């Protein structure tokens, strides 16, 4: 029988000969050492292929929704394997509890539904994140041994449980209608851009957008690509570089470095954490824009803050507002005695520190921030501004920014250090073994690190209008020029990135 060989057959044979089936299988299946992150080449290839296919479904909104849900679940599967079933279970539970809550009028039963949701979500957090810490603490008190339980932490559990709680509480408060379409809610909770490390997007902000079945405009695509490039630059060029080449070395062995080097490492980690986390947020918001969804800013130049209170209005905004609305206000907020209001503020930040992970260092960091907020409010109340005194004088602003930044950077020592012993070593080196005379050798030995840090801080303190103008100009370009600039930025990042993929810091929370 005569076999007809067409050009298509030859092309197919050529393509399949290039593909290593075993390698393809290894790439597509879960690998705990290689999660699917925004800063990986695999994600870049997959997201381009996904967007091409997603565009083909532009006429069928239902198919687009299912396609995006499946991609989001695959994205989560690559980070947490079978834990994606936990995420789906939360979706179904929230959907059913939301419908039930929306149809119940008995206040006692309504409170019970909210309590059930909170207990389920907090129970998951306690089991997956804090159980080993609890047992280890009791073992330490009792002076007995304890072998840590082998518990796999689902990626992003702190974020999707908070989103779940806010959904049910908002329905209870009457500020949100329950989702009547199961796919709408699954879409909301599994939506991949903010799934692993925020922002903490609320159902009240996203469900109305989902119901409209949005399509990205040219301006949204331009702004989204700009944010993705900005996030990659922050993460790879700034955060990863100063971390691997200086910050990690000092924090691992602070006693081996002078006080000047320890102080530089503290400032370096503060910049690293900001660029790493805000870089992820920028990319998440940018990817959402490419899909037609708008999220609120998660960072707003926090280093420009003039007080601890202002800092938490600019840093991790989605978390700080969540803590305010669902912890601080239910505790009583400021609608009580002064002493109780201070306690509410302190306890809120203490719990915010605990939210970050199962470590006493995070709890101490939360207590430090709570103490700063309480002290700031107490001092403002005890020493109000005298009549006629201007608070906007430039030297006041500079002094306030300098003091606030250093207090927050000091707090980040607790966040990053392995133990209080290391914190003590760093503080001791800074105050007793500073050695400013080594500054020339430090700059010479770590010239690239110093330049990257200086550039990072200068970009941060630059006026917001500068970045807004750059974004608008980029968005106004034709798609061809946008693609060319994006390709150039990606090429530069590939050239300067480290040989290993560095995960985002907040993926562990």
Protein backbone atom coordinates (compact mmCIF):
# COMPACT_ATOMS: atom_id res chain seq x y z
CA UNK A 1 0.00 0.00 0.00
CA UNK A 2 1.38 3.39 -1.01
CA UNK A 3 2.10 5.71 1.96
CA UNK A 4 1.47 9.37 1.26
CA UNK A 5 3.94 11.67 3.00
CA UNK A 6 2.81 15.27 3.16
CA UNK A 7 4.84 18.30 4.33
CA UNK A 8 2.71 18.23 7.49
CA UNK A 9 3.89 14.69 8.27
CA UNK A 10 7.52 15.73 7.83
CA UNK A 11 7.01 18.73 10.12
CA UNK A 12 5.33 16.57 12.74
CA UNK A 13 8.17 14.01 12.62
CA UNK A 14 10.74 16.79 12.98
CA UNK A 15 8.96 18.33 15.97
CA UNK A 16 8.47 14.99 17.75
CA UNK A 17 12.13 14.12 17.19
CA UNK A 18 13.09 17.26 19.09
CA UNK A 19 10.91 16.36 22.08
CA UNK A 20 12.33 14.14 24.78
CA UNK A 21 9.24 12.37 26.15
CA UNK A 22 10.86 11.60 29.51
CA UNK A 23 12.10 15.17 29.93
CA UNK A 24 8.68 16.52 28.96
CA UNK A 25 7.02 14.24 31.50
CA UNK A 26 9.46 15.36 34.21
CA UNK A 27 8.82 19.01 33.41
CA UNK A 28 5.05 18.73 33.43
CA UNK A 29 4.74 16.65 36.62
CA UNK A 30 5.20 17.93 40.18
CA UNK A 31 8.79 18.32 41.33
CA UNK A 32 9.29 19.68 44.88
CA UNK A 33 12.69 21.06 43.89
CA UNK A 34 11.36 22.91 40.85
CA UNK A 35 8.04 24.72 41.45
CA UNK A 36 6.47 26.74 38.65
CA UNK A 37 7.46 30.32 39.54
CA UNK A 38 7.03 33.61 37.72
CA UNK A 39 10.81 33.98 37.36
CA UNK A 40 11.41 30.64 35.60
CA UNK A 41 11.86 29.94 31.92
CA UNK A 42 9.24 27.18 32.05
CA UNK A 43 6.62 29.61 33.30
CA UNK A 44 7.50 32.03 30.51
CA UNK A 45 7.01 29.33 27.87
CA UNK A 46 3.81 28.00 29.42
CA UNK A 47 2.24 31.42 29.94
CA UNK A 48 2.93 32.46 26.33
CA UNK A 49 1.37 29.22 25.06
CA UNK A 50 -1.56 29.67 27.46
CA UNK A 51 -2.25 33.24 26.36
CA UNK A 52 -2.18 32.21 22.70
CA UNK A 53 -4.75 29.48 23.37
CA UNK A 54 -6.76 31.76 25.68
CA UNK A 55 -7.06 34.35 22.91
CA UNK A 56 -8.53 31.73 20.59
CA UNK A 57 -11.42 31.31 23.05
CA UNK A 58 -12.33 35.01 23.05
CA UNK A 59 -15.86 34.31 21.76
CA UNK A 60 -16.67 31.72 24.42
CA UNK A 61 -16.49 33.24 27.89
CA UNK A 62 -17.44 29.99 29.61
CA UNK A 63 -14.68 28.06 27.87
CA UNK A 64 -12.20 30.82 28.77
CA UNK A 65 -13.20 30.56 32.42
CA UNK A 66 -12.78 26.76 32.49
CA UNK A 67 -9.46 27.06 30.65
CA UNK A 68 -8.14 29.59 33.18
CA UNK A 69 -9.34 27.51 36.15
CA UNK A 70 -7.54 24.44 34.76
CA UNK A 71 -4.34 26.40 34.18
CA UNK A 72 -4.55 27.86 37.70
CA UNK A 73 -4.98 24.39 39.20
CA UNK A 74 -2.02 23.11 37.18
CA UNK A 75 0.02 26.10 38.35
CA UNK A 76 -0.84 25.24 41.96
CA UNK A 77 -0.23 21.52 41.37
CA UNK A 78 3.33 22.32 40.25
CA UNK A 79 3.92 23.94 43.65
CA UNK A 80 1.96 21.68 45.99
CA UNK A 81 1.03 18.46 44.17
CA UNK A 82 -2.02 16.77 45.70
CA UNK A 83 -2.63 19.78 47.96
CA UNK A 84 -4.58 21.25 45.05
CA UNK A 85 -7.44 19.04 46.31
CA UNK A 86 -7.32 20.94 49.61
CA UNK A 87 -7.71 24.17 47.64
CA UNK A 88 -10.67 22.73 45.73
CA UNK A 89 -12.19 21.51 48.99
CA UNK A 90 -11.99 25.04 50.40
CA UNK A 91 -13.65 26.35 47.23
CA UNK A 92 -16.61 23.98 47.54
CA UNK A 93 -16.91 24.52 51.30
CA UNK A 94 -16.93 28.31 50.93
CA UNK A 95 -19.44 28.18 48.10
CA UNK A 96 -21.89 26.03 50.08
CA UNK A 97 -21.42 27.98 53.32
CA UNK A 98 -21.86 31.25 51.41
CA UNK A 99 -25.16 30.11 49.88
CA UNK A 100 -26.36 28.86 53.26
CA UNK A 101 -25.36 32.10 54.98
CA UNK A 102 -27.08 34.17 52.30
CA UNK A 103 -30.39 32.36 52.88
CA UNK A 104 -30.38 32.31 56.69
CA UNK A 105 -31.95 35.07 58.79
CA UNK A 106 -31.41 33.67 62.29
CA UNK A 107 -28.48 35.65 63.70
CA UNK A 108 -27.27 32.87 65.98
CA UNK A 109 -27.13 30.43 63.06
CA UNK A 110 -25.41 33.05 60.88
CA UNK A 111 -22.74 33.52 63.54
CA UNK A 112 -22.37 29.75 63.71
CA UNK A 113 -21.73 29.53 59.95
CA UNK A 114 -19.06 32.22 60.19
CA UNK A 115 -17.49 30.46 63.17
CA UNK A 116 -17.47 27.16 61.26
CA UNK A 117 -15.62 28.77 58.35
CA UNK A 118 -13.11 30.45 60.66
CA UNK A 119 -12.49 27.24 62.63
CA UNK A 120 -11.96 25.25 59.41
CA UNK A 121 -9.47 27.75 57.97
CA UNK A 122 -7.63 28.45 61.21
CA UNK A 123 -7.60 24.72 61.91
CA UNK A 124 -5.83 24.12 58.58
CA UNK A 125 -3.30 26.82 59.41
CA UNK A 126 -2.66 25.36 62.86
CA UNK A 127 -2.17 21.84 61.50
CA UNK A 128 -0.04 22.63 58.47
CA UNK A 129 1.95 25.60 59.82
CA UNK A 130 2.01 25.63 63.61
CA UNK A 131 1.59 22.10 64.93
CA UNK A 132 5.34 21.39 65.02
CA UNK A 133 6.00 24.75 66.71
CA UNK A 134 3.35 24.02 69.36
CA UNK A 135 4.70 20.54 70.11
CA UNK A 136 8.31 21.77 70.07
CA UNK A 137 7.46 24.57 72.51
CA UNK A 138 5.77 22.20 74.95
CA UNK A 139 8.68 19.75 74.60
CA UNK A 140 11.10 22.57 75.38
CA UNK A 141 9.10 23.62 78.45
CA UNK A 142 8.96 20.03 79.64
CA UNK A 143 12.64 19.48 78.78
CA UNK A 144 11.77 16.49 76.60
CA UNK A 145 12.75 15.51 73.08
CA UNK A 146 10.55 16.03 70.05
CA UNK A 147 10.89 14.78 66.47
CA UNK A 148 9.18 17.12 64.04
CA UNK A 149 6.19 15.68 62.23
CA UNK A 150 6.54 15.26 58.47
CA UNK A 151 3.85 17.74 57.40
CA UNK A 152 3.92 19.21 53.90
CA UNK A 153 2.89 22.87 53.91
CA UNK A 154 0.53 23.68 51.01
CA UNK A 155 1.87 26.67 49.10
CA UNK A 156 -0.05 29.89 49.62
CA UNK A 157 -2.26 28.46 52.37
CA UNK A 158 -1.99 31.64 54.44
CA UNK A 159 -3.25 33.67 51.51
CA UNK A 160 -6.19 31.57 50.33
CA UNK A 161 -7.44 30.93 53.88
CA UNK A 162 -7.54 34.68 54.54
CA UNK A 163 -9.44 35.20 51.28
CA UNK A 164 -11.85 32.45 52.29
CA UNK A 165 -12.51 34.02 55.72
CA UNK A 166 -13.06 37.50 54.27
CA UNK A 167 -15.58 36.10 51.76
CA UNK A 168 -17.80 34.55 54.45
CA UNK A 169 -17.43 37.51 56.84
CA UNK A 170 -18.36 39.99 54.09
CA UNK A 171 -21.52 37.99 53.35
CA UNK A 172 -22.34 38.02 57.06
CA UNK A 173 -21.84 41.79 57.21
CA UNK A 174 -24.09 42.28 54.19
CA UNK A 175 -21.41 43.94 52.07
CA UNK A 176 -21.24 41.08 49.55
CA UNK A 177 -23.74 38.84 47.84
CA UNK A 178 -22.83 35.13 47.86
CA UNK A 179 -21.61 33.65 44.58
CA UNK A 180 -24.41 31.72 42.91
CA UNK A 181 -22.17 30.13 40.30
CA UNK A 182 -19.70 27.57 41.62
CA UNK A 183 -17.29 28.20 38.73
CA UNK A 184 -17.21 31.91 39.60
CA UNK A 185 -16.03 31.16 43.12
CA UNK A 186 -13.54 28.49 42.05
CA UNK A 187 -12.19 31.01 39.54
CA UNK A 188 -11.80 33.60 42.31
CA UNK A 189 -10.02 31.41 44.85
CA UNK A 190 -7.79 29.51 42.39
CA UNK A 191 -6.90 32.48 40.14
CA UNK A 192 -3.18 31.85 39.70
CA UNK A 193 -1.53 35.34 39.74
CA UNK A 194 -2.16 36.07 43.48
CA UNK A 195 -2.56 32.45 44.55
CA UNK A 196 0.85 31.67 46.05
CA UNK A 197 2.06 34.97 47.55
CA UNK A 198 -0.67 37.56 47.28
CA UNK A 199 -1.88 40.18 47.14
CA UNK A 200 -4.72 39.13 49.45
CA UNK A 201 -7.44 39.84 46.90
CA UNK A 202 -10.95 40.00 48.36
CA UNK A 203 -14.04 38.49 46.81
CA UNK A 204 -15.78 41.88 47.03
CA UNK A 205 -13.16 43.28 44.63
CA UNK A 206 -12.91 40.35 42.23
CA UNK A 207 -16.28 38.57 42.01
CA UNK A 208 -18.01 41.57 40.34
CA UNK A 209 -15.21 41.60 37.75
CA UNK A 210 -15.61 37.85 37.15
CA UNK A 211 -19.34 38.26 36.55
CA UNK A 212 -18.60 40.88 33.85
CA UNK A 213 -16.30 38.40 32.02
CA UNK A 214 -13.73 41.13 31.34
CA UNK A 215 -11.41 41.37 28.35
CA UNK A 216 -8.06 43.17 28.58
CA UNK A 217 -7.82 46.47 26.74
CA UNK A 218 -4.69 47.71 24.98
CA UNK A 219 -3.97 50.01 27.93
CA UNK A 220 -4.35 47.13 30.40
CA UNK A 221 -1.99 44.93 28.38
CA UNK A 222 0.61 47.71 28.24
CA UNK A 223 0.35 48.42 31.97
CA UNK A 224 0.44 44.68 32.73
CA UNK A 225 3.59 44.07 30.69
CA UNK A 226 5.25 47.10 32.29
CA UNK A 227 4.50 45.78 35.79
CA UNK A 228 5.80 42.31 34.86
CA UNK A 229 9.08 43.82 33.63
CA UNK A 230 9.36 45.99 36.75
CA UNK A 231 8.70 42.98 38.97
CA UNK A 232 11.32 40.85 37.21
CA UNK A 233 13.90 43.62 37.52
CA UNK A 234 13.17 44.03 41.23
CA UNK A 235 13.29 40.31 41.88
CA UNK A 236 16.18 39.09 39.73
CA UNK A 237 18.48 42.08 39.28
CA UNK A 238 18.11 43.62 42.75
CA UNK A 239 16.77 41.14 45.33
CA UNK A 240 18.44 37.93 44.16
CA UNK A 241 21.77 39.60 43.40
CA UNK A 242 22.31 41.35 46.73
CA UNK A 243 20.97 38.33 48.59
CA UNK A 244 23.28 35.75 47.04
CA UNK A 245 26.35 37.96 46.91
CA UNK A 246 26.25 39.67 50.30
CA UNK A 247 23.16 39.59 52.54
CA UNK A 248 22.96 35.82 53.07
CA UNK A 249 26.67 35.60 53.91
CA UNK A 250 26.42 38.17 56.69
CA UNK A 251 23.18 36.89 58.21
CA UNK A 252 24.55 33.32 58.23
CA UNK A 253 27.68 34.33 60.17
CA UNK A 254 27.26 37.86 61.57
CA UNK A 255 30.14 37.54 64.05
CA UNK A 256 32.62 37.15 61.16
CA UNK A 257 31.80 40.60 59.76
CA UNK A 258 32.32 44.13 61.08
CA UNK A 259 29.52 46.30 62.39
CA UNK A 260 29.53 48.30 59.15
CA UNK A 261 29.06 45.13 57.11
CA UNK A 262 26.28 43.97 59.44
CA UNK A 263 24.51 47.31 59.11
CA UNK A 264 24.86 47.18 55.34
CA UNK A 265 23.40 43.65 55.40
CA UNK A 266 20.40 44.90 57.42
CA UNK A 267 19.80 47.67 54.86
CA UNK A 268 20.43 45.14 52.10
CA UNK A 269 17.86 42.68 53.43
CA UNK A 270 15.29 45.45 53.86
CA UNK A 271 15.72 46.32 50.19
CA UNK A 272 15.85 42.64 49.20
CA UNK A 273 12.59 41.82 50.99
CA UNK A 274 10.85 44.83 49.47
CA UNK A 275 12.05 44.09 45.93
CA UNK A 276 11.33 40.36 46.25
CA UNK A 277 7.81 40.75 47.62
CA UNK A 278 6.73 43.88 45.75
CA UNK A 279 8.26 42.33 42.63
CA UNK A 280 5.97 39.31 43.01
CA UNK A 281 3.01 41.60 43.64
CA UNK A 282 3.86 43.65 40.54
CA UNK A 283 4.00 40.52 38.40
CA UNK A 284 0.77 39.15 39.88
CA UNK A 285 -1.06 42.43 39.26
CA UNK A 286 0.47 42.64 35.78
CA UNK A 287 -0.59 39.09 34.84
CA UNK A 288 -4.09 39.82 36.12
CA UNK A 289 -4.23 42.93 33.92
CA UNK A 290 -3.30 40.83 30.88
CA UNK A 291 -6.38 38.74 31.66
CA UNK A 292 -8.62 41.78 32.13
CA UNK A 293 -8.66 41.99 35.95
CA UNK A 294 -7.61 45.01 38.02
CA UNK A 295 -6.15 44.67 41.52
CA UNK A 296 -5.25 47.37 44.01
CA UNK A 297 -1.61 48.28 44.66
CA UNK A 298 0.05 46.16 47.34
CA UNK A 299 3.00 48.49 47.98
CA UNK A 300 3.30 52.26 47.82
CA UNK A 301 6.94 53.30 48.40
CA UNK A 302 7.04 52.28 52.10
CA UNK A 303 10.57 53.64 52.63
CA UNK A 304 9.10 57.14 52.25
CA UNK A 305 6.99 56.66 55.37
CA UNK A 306 7.34 59.22 58.15
CA UNK A 307 5.93 57.00 60.92
CA UNK A 308 5.25 53.33 61.70
CA UNK A 309 1.54 53.99 61.14
CA UNK A 310 2.20 55.35 57.66
CA UNK A 311 4.57 52.44 56.95
CA UNK A 312 1.75 49.94 57.41
CA UNK A 313 -0.44 51.97 55.07
CA UNK A 314 2.23 51.54 52.39
CA UNK A 315 3.73 48.07 53.09
CA UNK A 316 1.83 44.87 52.11
CA UNK A 317 -1.34 46.94 51.91
CA UNK A 318 -3.64 44.01 51.20
CA UNK A 319 -2.51 42.24 54.40
CA UNK A 320 -2.48 45.32 56.64
CA UNK A 321 -6.01 46.30 55.55
CA UNK A 322 -7.15 42.68 56.00
CA UNK A 323 -5.77 42.65 59.55
CA UNK A 324 -7.49 45.99 60.21
CA UNK A 325 -10.90 44.93 58.86
CA UNK A 326 -11.05 41.34 60.13
CA UNK A 327 -8.99 41.43 63.35
CA UNK A 328 -8.41 44.94 64.69
CA UNK A 329 -11.96 46.29 64.16
CA UNK A 330 -13.71 43.12 65.47
CA UNK A 331 -11.50 43.33 68.58
CA UNK A 332 -12.94 46.79 69.19
CA UNK A 333 -10.53 48.87 67.15
CA UNK A 334 -10.18 52.36 68.59
CA UNK A 335 -13.83 52.55 69.69
CA UNK A 336 -12.93 51.77 73.30
CA UNK A 337 -10.63 52.93 76.07
CA UNK A 338 -7.15 54.10 75.13
CA UNK A 339 -5.51 51.17 76.90
CA UNK A 340 -7.78 48.68 75.15
CA UNK A 341 -7.18 50.34 71.77
CA UNK A 342 -3.42 50.04 72.25
CA UNK A 343 -3.83 46.37 73.22
CA UNK A 344 -5.95 45.76 70.11
CA UNK A 345 -3.27 47.29 67.90
CA UNK A 346 -0.47 45.35 69.54
CA UNK A 347 -2.33 42.03 69.42
CA UNK A 348 -3.24 42.55 65.77
CA UNK A 349 0.42 42.97 64.81
CA UNK A 350 1.41 40.05 67.05
CA UNK A 351 -1.00 37.82 65.15
CA UNK A 352 0.24 39.32 61.89
CA UNK A 353 3.74 38.22 62.82
CA UNK A 354 2.50 34.72 63.67
CA UNK A 355 0.72 34.59 60.28
CA UNK A 356 4.11 34.75 58.58
CA UNK A 357 5.27 31.41 59.91
CA UNK A 358 5.86 28.95 62.71
CA UNK A 359 8.81 30.67 64.35
CA UNK A 360 9.23 32.72 67.48
CA UNK A 361 11.30 35.14 65.39
CA UNK A 362 8.21 36.10 63.39
CA UNK A 363 6.23 36.54 66.59
CA UNK A 364 8.95 38.82 67.98
CA UNK A 365 8.94 40.76 64.71
CA UNK A 366 5.16 41.19 64.98
CA UNK A 367 5.52 42.31 68.63
CA UNK A 368 8.18 44.84 67.58
CA UNK A 369 5.84 46.35 64.98
CA UNK A 370 2.95 46.37 67.42
CA UNK A 371 5.12 48.16 69.98
CA UNK A 372 6.19 50.78 67.41
CA UNK A 373 2.57 51.47 66.40
CA UNK A 374 1.46 51.82 70.03
CA UNK A 375 4.40 54.08 70.91
CA UNK A 376 3.78 56.27 67.89
CA UNK A 377 0.11 56.79 68.78
CA UNK A 378 0.94 57.32 72.47
CA UNK A 379 3.62 59.92 71.67
CA UNK A 380 1.32 61.73 69.25
CA UNK A 381 -1.31 61.90 71.95
CA UNK A 382 1.10 62.94 74.71
CA UNK A 383 2.91 65.56 72.62
CA UNK A 384 0.47 67.10 70.15
CA UNK A 385 1.84 69.64 67.70
CA UNK A 386 1.89 73.15 69.12
CA UNK A 387 -0.33 75.70 67.35
CA UNK A 388 1.46 77.22 64.38
CA UNK A 389 4.11 74.47 64.13
CA UNK A 390 4.44 73.16 60.59
CA UNK A 391 4.86 69.43 60.16
CA UNK A 392 5.72 69.62 56.45
CA UNK A 393 9.13 71.25 56.84
CA UNK A 394 11.72 69.38 54.77
CA UNK A 395 14.06 68.65 57.68
CA UNK A 396 11.18 67.19 59.70
CA UNK A 397 10.24 64.92 56.80
CA UNK A 398 13.84 63.77 56.33
CA UNK A 399 14.29 63.10 60.06
CA UNK A 400 10.99 61.21 60.29
CA UNK A 401 11.77 59.10 57.23
CA UNK A 402 15.28 58.30 58.52
CA UNK A 403 14.03 57.31 61.97
CA UNK A 404 11.09 55.26 60.67
CA UNK A 405 13.21 53.43 58.12
CA UNK A 406 15.86 52.47 60.66
CA UNK A 407 13.29 51.27 63.19
CA UNK A 408 11.66 49.08 60.54
CA UNK A 409 15.01 47.82 59.26
CA UNK A 410 15.93 46.89 62.84
CA UNK A 411 12.71 44.91 63.03
CA UNK A 412 13.62 43.03 59.86
CA UNK A 413 16.67 41.62 61.67
CA UNK A 414 14.21 39.51 63.70
CA UNK A 415 12.41 38.59 60.45
CA UNK A 416 15.58 37.34 58.72
CA UNK A 417 17.94 36.17 61.47
CA UNK A 418 18.03 32.48 62.37
CA UNK A 419 17.87 33.09 66.11
CA UNK A 420 18.00 35.73 68.82
CA UNK A 421 21.66 34.77 69.24
CA UNK A 422 22.35 35.98 65.70
CA UNK A 423 20.36 39.17 66.36
CA UNK A 424 22.48 39.77 69.46
CA UNK A 425 25.66 39.22 67.45
CA UNK A 426 24.57 41.68 64.76
CA UNK A 427 23.58 44.36 67.27
CA UNK A 428 26.80 43.79 69.19
CA UNK A 429 28.92 44.13 66.06
CA UNK A 430 27.10 47.31 64.99
CA UNK A 431 27.49 49.05 68.36
CA UNK A 432 30.87 47.73 69.56
CA UNK A 433 32.78 46.70 66.45
CA UNK A 434 31.61 49.11 63.74
CA UNK A 435 34.97 49.89 62.06
CA UNK A 436 33.89 52.63 59.67
CA UNK A 437 37.49 52.65 58.41
CA UNK A 438 36.80 49.50 56.34
CA UNK A 439 34.29 51.36 54.18
CA UNK A 440 36.70 51.82 51.22
CA UNK A 441 37.62 48.11 51.23
CA UNK A 442 33.94 47.17 51.58
CA UNK A 443 32.96 49.27 48.58
CA UNK A 444 35.88 47.94 46.56
CA UNK A 445 35.19 44.31 47.45
CA UNK A 446 31.44 44.52 46.93
CA UNK A 447 31.27 47.27 44.31
CA UNK A 448 28.54 45.64 42.24
CA UNK A 449 26.42 44.95 45.35
CA UNK A 450 26.82 48.55 46.53
CA UNK A 451 25.86 49.90 43.10
CA UNK A 452 22.78 47.67 42.90
CA UNK A 453 21.70 48.70 46.41
CA UNK A 454 22.19 52.39 45.63
CA UNK A 455 20.26 52.01 42.37
CA UNK A 456 17.48 50.13 44.17
CA UNK A 457 17.06 52.81 46.82
CA UNK A 458 17.25 55.62 44.26
CA UNK A 459 14.51 53.98 42.18
CA UNK A 460 12.40 53.61 45.32
CA UNK A 461 12.74 57.23 46.40
CA UNK A 462 12.21 58.59 42.87
CA UNK A 463 8.88 60.44 42.42
CA UNK A 464 5.92 58.18 41.63
CA UNK A 465 5.17 60.38 38.61
CA UNK A 466 8.36 59.16 36.92
CA UNK A 467 7.30 55.52 36.88
CA UNK A 468 3.74 56.50 35.93
CA UNK A 469 5.07 58.40 32.90
CA UNK A 470 7.27 55.47 31.88
CA UNK A 471 4.30 53.11 32.15
CA UNK A 472 2.06 55.41 30.12
CA UNK A 473 4.69 55.84 27.41
CA UNK A 474 5.24 52.10 27.21
CA UNK A 475 1.48 51.47 27.07
CA UNK A 476 1.15 53.95 24.19
CA UNK A 477 3.65 52.02 22.04
CA UNK A 478 2.53 49.63 19.32
CA UNK A 479 2.41 45.93 20.26
CA UNK A 480 5.54 45.31 18.17
CA UNK A 481 7.65 47.81 20.11
CA UNK A 482 6.21 46.60 23.39
CA UNK A 483 7.27 43.05 22.48
CA UNK A 484 10.77 44.22 21.47
CA UNK A 485 11.33 46.05 24.77
CA UNK A 486 9.94 43.09 26.74
CA UNK A 487 12.28 40.70 24.89
CA UNK A 488 15.29 42.95 25.60
CA UNK A 489 14.45 43.12 29.30
CA UNK A 490 14.05 39.33 29.48
CA UNK A 491 17.40 38.84 27.71
CA UNK A 492 19.15 41.16 30.18
CA UNK A 493 17.57 39.32 33.11
CA UNK A 494 18.66 35.95 31.71
CA UNK A 495 22.22 37.24 31.46
CA UNK A 496 22.44 38.58 35.02
CA UNK A 497 20.40 36.04 36.97
CA UNK A 498 22.07 33.47 39.15
CA UNK A 499 22.59 29.92 37.93
CA UNK A 500 19.88 28.61 40.26
CA UNK A 501 16.29 29.77 40.49
CA UNK A 502 15.74 31.68 43.74
CA UNK A 503 12.18 31.23 45.09
CA UNK A 504 10.19 34.24 46.24
CA UNK A 505 10.53 34.81 49.98
CA UNK A 506 6.80 34.92 50.64
CA UNK A 507 6.15 31.55 48.97
CA UNK A 508 6.92 29.92 52.34
CA UNK A 509 4.05 31.76 54.00
